[in-house]
Amino acid sequence: MTHLSFYAKAMAGLPQLVARLIDNADAPIERLAIILGDTARIAGLGGPADDNPTPQEVDQWRQHKPPLWIAKTALFLLVQMPGHPLPNSDEERAAWAYTWLRIRSHASLDTALAALPEPARFPLRPYLEDAWSDIQRQRLL
């Protein structure tokens, strides 16, 4: 997979990542908008300094590319769910892998993989390898 095709897949999968959270959340979208904003601030994932996204914005991000802080927060919440939801498409798996590496810094690919919940490790491994390679190419010396 080339650098460009991986990144394009990951960006195309970001709305699917948000949709996965909305579909698996026990909260209505109005409450989920509050949860996303508050979680982003508390966990240091970026995002709004004061305001939470509107329910309409959250709903739109199912179909349109969300800000990176929304994707990071959605994945942060998804990996903590007891039902262990997993991505269903190549694009969504690429988005999960790319976003996973953007949530926190990892010393190596192996530590990033080990930090994933057990059910996600095998399906995301090749995508995490591509994401790691993609991010390493972006580093400046």
N, C-alpha and C. Protein backbone atom coordinates (compact mmCIF):
# COMPACT_ATOMS: atom_id res chain seq x y z
N MET A 1 0.85 -1.17 0.00
CA MET A 1 0.00 0.00 0.00
C MET A 1 0.89 1.23 0.00
N THR A 2 0.66 2.15 -0.89
CA THR A 2 1.49 3.34 -0.94
C THR A 2 1.08 4.32 0.14
N HIS A 3 1.98 5.25 0.42
CA HIS A 3 1.73 6.29 1.42
C HIS A 3 0.43 7.03 1.13
N LEU A 4 0.25 7.46 -0.10
CA LEU A 4 -0.93 8.24 -0.47
C LEU A 4 -2.19 7.41 -0.36
N SER A 5 -2.16 6.18 -0.82
CA SER A 5 -3.38 5.37 -0.78
C SER A 5 -3.76 5.03 0.66
N PHE A 6 -2.80 4.81 1.54
CA PHE A 6 -3.15 4.56 2.93
C PHE A 6 -3.80 5.79 3.54
N TYR A 7 -3.18 6.93 3.38
CA TYR A 7 -3.72 8.16 3.96
C TYR A 7 -5.12 8.45 3.42
N ALA A 8 -5.29 8.28 2.12
CA ALA A 8 -6.60 8.51 1.51
C ALA A 8 -7.64 7.56 2.10
N LYS A 9 -7.26 6.30 2.27
CA LYS A 9 -8.18 5.34 2.90
C LYS A 9 -8.51 5.74 4.32
N ALA A 10 -7.51 6.14 5.07
CA ALA A 10 -7.73 6.52 6.47
C ALA A 10 -8.68 7.71 6.55
N MET A 11 -8.46 8.70 5.71
CA MET A 11 -9.32 9.89 5.73
C MET A 11 -10.75 9.53 5.30
N ALA A 12 -10.88 8.64 4.34
CA ALA A 12 -12.20 8.20 3.89
C ALA A 12 -12.92 7.41 4.98
N GLY A 13 -12.17 6.77 5.86
CA GLY A 13 -12.77 5.96 6.91
C GLY A 13 -13.14 6.72 8.17
N LEU A 14 -12.70 7.97 8.30
CA LEU A 14 -13.01 8.74 9.52
C LEU A 14 -14.51 8.89 9.77
N PRO A 15 -15.33 9.19 8.75
CA PRO A 15 -16.77 9.24 9.02
C PRO A 15 -17.34 7.89 9.49
N GLN A 16 -16.80 6.80 8.98
CA GLN A 16 -17.25 5.48 9.42
C GLN A 16 -16.90 5.23 10.88
N LEU A 17 -15.75 5.73 11.31
CA LEU A 17 -15.35 5.62 12.71
C LEU A 17 -16.36 6.35 13.60
N VAL A 18 -16.73 7.56 13.22
CA VAL A 18 -17.71 8.32 13.99
C VAL A 18 -19.06 7.61 13.97
N ALA A 19 -19.45 7.09 12.82
CA ALA A 19 -20.72 6.35 12.72
C ALA A 19 -20.71 5.13 13.63
N ARG A 20 -19.56 4.45 13.72
CA ARG A 20 -19.46 3.26 14.59
C ARG A 20 -19.72 3.67 16.04
N LEU A 21 -19.18 4.82 16.47
CA LEU A 21 -19.44 5.27 17.83
C LEU A 21 -20.92 5.59 18.02
N ILE A 22 -21.50 6.33 17.11
CA ILE A 22 -22.91 6.70 17.23
C ILE A 22 -23.78 5.44 17.28
N ASP A 23 -23.49 4.48 16.42
CA ASP A 23 -24.28 3.26 16.36
C ASP A 23 -24.13 2.38 17.61
N ASN A 24 -22.99 2.48 18.29
CA ASN A 24 -22.74 1.63 19.46
C ASN A 24 -22.97 2.34 20.79
N ALA A 25 -23.20 3.63 20.76
CA ALA A 25 -23.39 4.39 22.00
C ALA A 25 -24.79 4.15 22.56
N ASP A 26 -24.86 4.14 23.88
CA ASP A 26 -26.15 4.01 24.55
C ASP A 26 -26.81 5.36 24.78
N ALA A 27 -26.16 6.42 24.34
CA ALA A 27 -26.66 7.77 24.57
C ALA A 27 -27.27 8.33 23.28
N PRO A 28 -28.28 9.17 23.42
CA PRO A 28 -28.79 9.86 22.23
C PRO A 28 -27.72 10.83 21.72
N ILE A 29 -27.85 11.22 20.47
CA ILE A 29 -26.83 12.05 19.84
C ILE A 29 -26.63 13.39 20.57
N GLU A 30 -27.67 13.91 21.20
CA GLU A 30 -27.54 15.16 21.97
C GLU A 30 -26.58 14.96 23.15
N ARG A 31 -26.71 13.85 23.82
CA ARG A 31 -25.82 13.53 24.95
C ARG A 31 -24.43 13.16 24.44
N LEU A 32 -24.38 12.46 23.33
CA LEU A 32 -23.10 12.05 22.75
C LEU A 32 -22.26 13.26 22.37
N ALA A 33 -22.89 14.32 21.88
CA ALA A 33 -22.16 15.54 21.54
C ALA A 33 -21.47 16.11 22.78
N ILE A 34 -22.15 16.09 23.91
CA ILE A 34 -21.56 16.57 25.17
C ILE A 34 -20.42 15.65 25.60
N ILE A 35 -20.66 14.35 25.51
CA ILE A 35 -19.64 13.37 25.89
C ILE A 35 -18.38 13.53 25.05
N LEU A 36 -18.54 13.73 23.75
CA LEU A 36 -17.38 13.90 22.86
C LEU A 36 -16.56 15.14 23.25
N GLY A 37 -17.23 16.27 23.45
CA GLY A 37 -16.52 17.49 23.81
C GLY A 37 -15.84 17.39 25.16
N ASP A 38 -16.56 16.88 26.15
CA ASP A 38 -15.98 16.76 27.49
C ASP A 38 -14.84 15.76 27.53
N THR A 39 -15.00 14.63 26.86
CA THR A 39 -13.94 13.60 26.84
C THR A 39 -12.69 14.14 26.15
N ALA A 40 -12.87 14.85 25.04
CA ALA A 40 -11.72 15.41 24.32
C ALA A 40 -10.92 16.33 25.23
N ARG A 41 -11.61 17.17 25.97
CA ARG A 41 -10.91 18.10 26.87
C ARG A 41 -10.24 17.37 28.03
N ILE A 42 -10.97 16.48 28.68
CA ILE A 42 -10.44 15.78 29.86
C ILE A 42 -9.27 14.87 29.49
N ALA A 43 -9.39 14.16 28.38
CA ALA A 43 -8.34 13.21 27.97
C ALA A 43 -7.21 13.88 27.19
N GLY A 44 -7.31 15.18 26.93
CA GLY A 44 -6.27 15.88 26.20
C GLY A 44 -6.16 15.47 24.75
N LEU A 45 -7.31 15.26 24.10
CA LEU A 45 -7.32 14.81 22.71
C LEU A 45 -7.50 15.94 21.71
N GLY A 46 -7.41 17.16 22.19
CA GLY A 46 -7.62 18.31 21.32
C GLY A 46 -9.08 18.72 21.36
N GLY A 47 -9.45 19.55 20.44
CA GLY A 47 -10.85 19.89 20.32
C GLY A 47 -11.24 21.20 20.93
N PRO A 48 -12.49 21.31 21.26
CA PRO A 48 -13.02 22.60 21.68
C PRO A 48 -12.50 23.02 23.05
N ALA A 49 -12.13 24.27 23.16
CA ALA A 49 -11.68 24.78 24.45
C ALA A 49 -12.86 24.95 25.40
N ASP A 50 -13.99 25.39 24.86
CA ASP A 50 -15.13 25.67 25.71
C ASP A 50 -16.42 24.99 25.24
N ASP A 51 -16.67 25.05 23.96
CA ASP A 51 -17.95 24.58 23.42
C ASP A 51 -17.88 23.12 23.03
N ASN A 52 -19.01 22.44 23.17
CA ASN A 52 -19.14 21.09 22.66
C ASN A 52 -19.70 21.15 21.25
N PRO A 53 -19.46 20.12 20.45
CA PRO A 53 -20.07 20.12 19.12
C PRO A 53 -21.60 20.03 19.26
N THR A 54 -22.28 20.49 18.25
CA THR A 54 -23.73 20.37 18.27
C THR A 54 -24.13 18.96 17.84
N PRO A 55 -25.30 18.52 18.22
CA PRO A 55 -25.77 17.21 17.74
C PRO A 55 -25.81 17.14 16.21
N GLN A 56 -26.13 18.25 15.56
CA GLN A 56 -26.16 18.28 14.10
C GLN A 56 -24.77 18.06 13.51
N GLU A 57 -23.76 18.67 14.13
CA GLU A 57 -22.38 18.46 13.65
C GLU A 57 -21.98 17.01 13.80
N VAL A 58 -22.27 16.43 14.96
CA VAL A 58 -21.92 15.02 15.19
C VAL A 58 -22.60 14.15 14.15
N ASP A 59 -23.87 14.39 13.89
CA ASP A 59 -24.59 13.60 12.89
C ASP A 59 -24.00 13.78 11.51
N GLN A 60 -23.58 15.00 11.15
CA GLN A 60 -22.97 15.25 9.84
C GLN A 60 -21.64 14.52 9.68
N TRP A 61 -20.92 14.34 10.77
CA TRP A 61 -19.61 13.69 10.71
C TRP A 61 -19.71 12.20 10.43
N ARG A 62 -20.90 11.64 10.38
CA ARG A 62 -21.08 10.26 9.93
C ARG A 62 -20.81 10.15 8.44
N GLN A 63 -21.03 11.25 7.71
CA GLN A 63 -20.93 11.22 6.26
C GLN A 63 -19.83 12.11 5.71
N HIS A 64 -19.38 13.06 6.51
CA HIS A 64 -18.35 14.00 6.07
C HIS A 64 -17.17 13.93 7.03
N LYS A 65 -15.99 14.18 6.50
CA LYS A 65 -14.77 14.08 7.29
C LYS A 65 -14.86 14.93 8.57
N PRO A 66 -14.72 14.29 9.72
CA PRO A 66 -14.75 15.03 10.98
C PRO A 66 -13.39 15.64 11.29
N PRO A 67 -13.36 16.61 12.20
CA PRO A 67 -12.06 17.09 12.68
C PRO A 67 -11.32 15.92 13.35
N LEU A 68 -10.00 15.98 13.34
CA LEU A 68 -9.22 14.88 13.91
C LEU A 68 -9.54 14.66 15.38
N TRP A 69 -9.81 15.71 16.14
CA TRP A 69 -10.10 15.53 17.56
C TRP A 69 -11.38 14.71 17.77
N ILE A 70 -12.32 14.83 16.87
CA ILE A 70 -13.55 14.04 16.97
C ILE A 70 -13.24 12.57 16.70
N ALA A 71 -12.45 12.30 15.67
CA ALA A 71 -12.07 10.92 15.36
C ALA A 71 -11.28 10.31 16.51
N LYS A 72 -10.34 11.07 17.06
CA LYS A 72 -9.55 10.57 18.19
C LYS A 72 -10.44 10.27 19.39
N THR A 73 -11.37 11.15 19.67
CA THR A 73 -12.25 10.96 20.81
C THR A 73 -13.20 9.79 20.57
N ALA A 74 -13.72 9.66 19.36
CA ALA A 74 -14.60 8.54 19.04
C ALA A 74 -13.87 7.21 19.24
N LEU A 75 -12.63 7.12 18.75
CA LEU A 75 -11.87 5.87 18.92
C LEU A 75 -11.53 5.64 20.39
N PHE A 76 -11.16 6.70 21.09
CA PHE A 76 -10.87 6.61 22.53
C PHE A 76 -12.05 5.98 23.27
N LEU A 77 -13.26 6.40 22.92
CA LEU A 77 -14.46 5.86 23.56
C LEU A 77 -14.78 4.45 23.07
N LEU A 78 -14.61 4.19 21.78
CA LEU A 78 -14.92 2.88 21.23
C LEU A 78 -14.08 1.76 21.85
N VAL A 79 -12.79 2.01 22.02
CA VAL A 79 -11.92 0.94 22.53
C VAL A 79 -12.17 0.63 23.99
N GLN A 80 -12.93 1.48 24.67
CA GLN A 80 -13.27 1.23 26.06
C GLN A 80 -14.62 0.53 26.22
N MET A 81 -15.35 0.37 25.14
CA MET A 81 -16.68 -0.25 25.22
C MET A 81 -16.54 -1.74 25.50
N PRO A 82 -17.37 -2.25 26.41
CA PRO A 82 -17.28 -3.68 26.74
C PRO A 82 -17.64 -4.61 25.59
N GLY A 83 -18.43 -4.14 24.64
CA GLY A 83 -18.81 -4.99 23.50
C GLY A 83 -17.73 -5.14 22.45
N HIS A 84 -16.63 -4.41 22.59
CA HIS A 84 -15.49 -4.47 21.67
C HIS A 84 -15.91 -4.31 20.21
N PRO A 85 -16.56 -3.17 19.87
CA PRO A 85 -16.89 -2.97 18.45
C PRO A 85 -15.61 -2.88 17.63
N LEU A 86 -15.69 -3.37 16.40
CA LEU A 86 -14.54 -3.38 15.50
C LEU A 86 -14.94 -2.76 14.17
N PRO A 87 -13.97 -2.25 13.42
CA PRO A 87 -14.27 -1.67 12.11
C PRO A 87 -14.68 -2.75 11.12
N ASN A 88 -15.46 -2.34 10.11
CA ASN A 88 -15.99 -3.31 9.14
C ASN A 88 -15.41 -3.21 7.74
N SER A 89 -14.72 -2.14 7.41
CA SER A 89 -14.22 -1.97 6.04
C SER A 89 -12.74 -1.62 6.06
N ASP A 90 -12.10 -1.72 4.90
CA ASP A 90 -10.69 -1.34 4.78
C ASP A 90 -10.49 0.11 5.21
N GLU A 91 -11.39 0.99 4.74
CA GLU A 91 -11.26 2.40 5.07
C GLU A 91 -11.40 2.65 6.56
N GLU A 92 -12.36 1.98 7.16
CA GLU A 92 -12.56 2.17 8.60
C GLU A 92 -11.38 1.60 9.40
N ARG A 93 -10.86 0.45 9.00
CA ARG A 93 -9.69 -0.12 9.68
C ARG A 93 -8.49 0.82 9.54
N ALA A 94 -8.30 1.40 8.36
CA ALA A 94 -7.21 2.36 8.16
C ALA A 94 -7.42 3.59 9.06
N ALA A 95 -8.64 4.05 9.16
CA ALA A 95 -8.94 5.21 10.02
C ALA A 95 -8.67 4.88 11.49
N TRP A 96 -9.07 3.70 11.93
CA TRP A 96 -8.81 3.31 13.31
C TRP A 96 -7.30 3.29 13.57
N ALA A 97 -6.54 2.68 12.67
CA ALA A 97 -5.09 2.57 12.87
C ALA A 97 -4.43 3.95 12.87
N TYR A 98 -4.76 4.76 11.90
CA TYR A 98 -4.19 6.12 11.81
C TYR A 98 -4.53 6.92 13.07
N THR A 99 -5.78 6.85 13.47
CA THR A 99 -6.24 7.61 14.64
C THR A 99 -5.61 7.08 15.92
N TRP A 100 -5.46 5.76 16.02
CA TRP A 100 -4.84 5.17 17.21
C TRP A 100 -3.44 5.74 17.44
N LEU A 101 -2.69 5.91 16.37
CA LEU A 101 -1.34 6.45 16.50
C LEU A 101 -1.34 7.95 16.75
N ARG A 102 -2.44 8.61 16.49
CA ARG A 102 -2.56 10.05 16.74
C ARG A 102 -3.07 10.36 18.15
N ILE A 103 -3.65 9.36 18.81
CA ILE A 103 -4.17 9.59 20.17
C ILE A 103 -3.02 9.83 21.15
N ARG A 104 -2.03 8.97 21.11
CA ARG A 104 -0.87 9.05 22.01
C ARG A 104 0.39 8.67 21.24
N SER A 105 1.52 9.14 21.73
CA SER A 105 2.81 8.74 21.14
C SER A 105 3.17 7.34 21.63
N HIS A 106 3.71 6.58 20.73
CA HIS A 106 4.17 5.23 21.06
C HIS A 106 5.63 5.12 20.68
N ALA A 107 6.41 4.45 21.50
CA ALA A 107 7.84 4.30 21.25
C ALA A 107 8.13 3.44 20.03
N SER A 108 7.23 2.50 19.75
CA SER A 108 7.46 1.59 18.63
C SER A 108 6.11 1.07 18.14
N LEU A 109 6.15 0.44 17.00
CA LEU A 109 4.96 -0.20 16.46
C LEU A 109 4.45 -1.28 17.41
N ASP A 110 5.37 -2.03 17.99
CA ASP A 110 4.97 -3.10 18.91
C ASP A 110 4.26 -2.55 20.15
N THR A 111 4.72 -1.43 20.68
CA THR A 111 4.03 -0.86 21.85
C THR A 111 2.67 -0.30 21.46
N ALA A 112 2.56 0.25 20.27
CA ALA A 112 1.26 0.74 19.80
C ALA A 112 0.28 -0.42 19.63
N LEU A 113 0.77 -1.51 19.08
CA LEU A 113 -0.06 -2.69 18.89
C LEU A 113 -0.47 -3.29 20.24
N ALA A 114 0.47 -3.38 21.16
CA ALA A 114 0.18 -3.94 22.48
C ALA A 114 -0.81 -3.09 23.27
N ALA A 115 -0.85 -1.79 22.99
CA ALA A 115 -1.77 -0.90 23.71
C ALA A 115 -3.21 -1.05 23.23
N LEU A 116 -3.39 -1.62 22.04
CA LEU A 116 -4.75 -1.85 21.54
C LEU A 116 -5.44 -2.92 22.39
N PRO A 117 -6.76 -2.83 22.53
CA PRO A 117 -7.47 -3.93 23.18
C PRO A 117 -7.26 -5.22 22.40
N GLU A 118 -7.18 -6.32 23.09
CA GLU A 118 -6.89 -7.63 22.48
C GLU A 118 -7.75 -7.94 21.25
N PRO A 119 -9.06 -7.73 21.28
CA PRO A 119 -9.86 -8.09 20.09
C PRO A 119 -9.51 -7.29 18.84
N ALA A 120 -8.90 -6.13 18.98
CA ALA A 120 -8.57 -5.29 17.83
C ALA A 120 -7.18 -5.56 17.27
N ARG A 121 -6.33 -6.24 18.00
CA ARG A 121 -4.94 -6.40 17.57
C ARG A 121 -4.79 -7.12 16.24
N PHE A 122 -5.38 -8.28 16.11
CA PHE A 122 -5.21 -9.05 14.87
C PHE A 122 -5.82 -8.34 13.67
N PRO A 123 -7.08 -7.88 13.74
CA PRO A 123 -7.64 -7.24 12.54
C PRO A 123 -6.96 -5.92 12.16
N LEU A 124 -6.38 -5.23 13.13
CA LEU A 124 -5.78 -3.94 12.83
C LEU A 124 -4.28 -3.99 12.57
N ARG A 125 -3.65 -5.11 12.83
CA ARG A 125 -2.18 -5.19 12.70
C ARG A 125 -1.65 -4.69 11.35
N PRO A 126 -2.12 -5.19 10.21
CA PRO A 126 -1.55 -4.70 8.94
C PRO A 126 -1.83 -3.21 8.71
N TYR A 127 -2.96 -2.74 9.19
CA TYR A 127 -3.30 -1.33 9.03
C TYR A 127 -2.45 -0.46 9.97
N LEU A 128 -2.18 -0.97 11.15
CA LEU A 128 -1.33 -0.25 12.08
C LEU A 128 0.10 -0.17 11.54
N GLU A 129 0.56 -1.24 10.89
CA GLU A 129 1.88 -1.21 10.26
C GLU A 129 1.94 -0.13 9.18
N ASP A 130 0.89 -0.05 8.36
CA ASP A 130 0.84 0.99 7.32
C ASP A 130 0.74 2.38 7.93
N ALA A 131 -0.05 2.52 8.99
CA ALA A 131 -0.19 3.81 9.66
C ALA A 131 1.14 4.23 10.27
N TRP A 132 1.84 3.29 10.89
CA TRP A 132 3.14 3.59 11.49
C TRP A 132 4.11 4.09 10.42
N SER A 133 4.14 3.39 9.31
CA SER A 133 5.02 3.78 8.20
C SER A 133 4.63 5.17 7.68
N ASP A 134 3.34 5.41 7.53
CA ASP A 134 2.85 6.71 7.06
C ASP A 134 3.28 7.83 8.00
N ILE A 135 3.12 7.63 9.28
CA ILE A 135 3.46 8.67 10.25
C ILE A 135 4.97 8.86 10.35
N GLN A 136 5.75 7.78 10.26
CA GLN A 136 7.19 7.90 10.32
C GLN A 136 7.75 8.70 9.15
N ARG A 137 7.13 8.60 7.99
CA ARG A 137 7.57 9.35 6.82
C ARG A 137 7.32 10.84 6.97
N GLN A 138 6.44 11.21 7.89
CA GLN A 138 6.10 12.62 8.08
C GLN A 138 7.04 13.31 9.07
N ARG A 139 7.90 12.56 9.73
CA ARG A 139 8.79 13.14 10.74
C ARG A 139 9.89 13.96 10.09
N LEU A 140 10.18 15.08 10.68
CA LEU A 140 11.29 15.92 10.22
C LEU A 140 12.53 15.61 11.04
N LEU A 141 13.69 15.67 10.41
CA LEU A 141 14.94 15.41 11.14
C LEU A 141 15.46 16.68 11.73
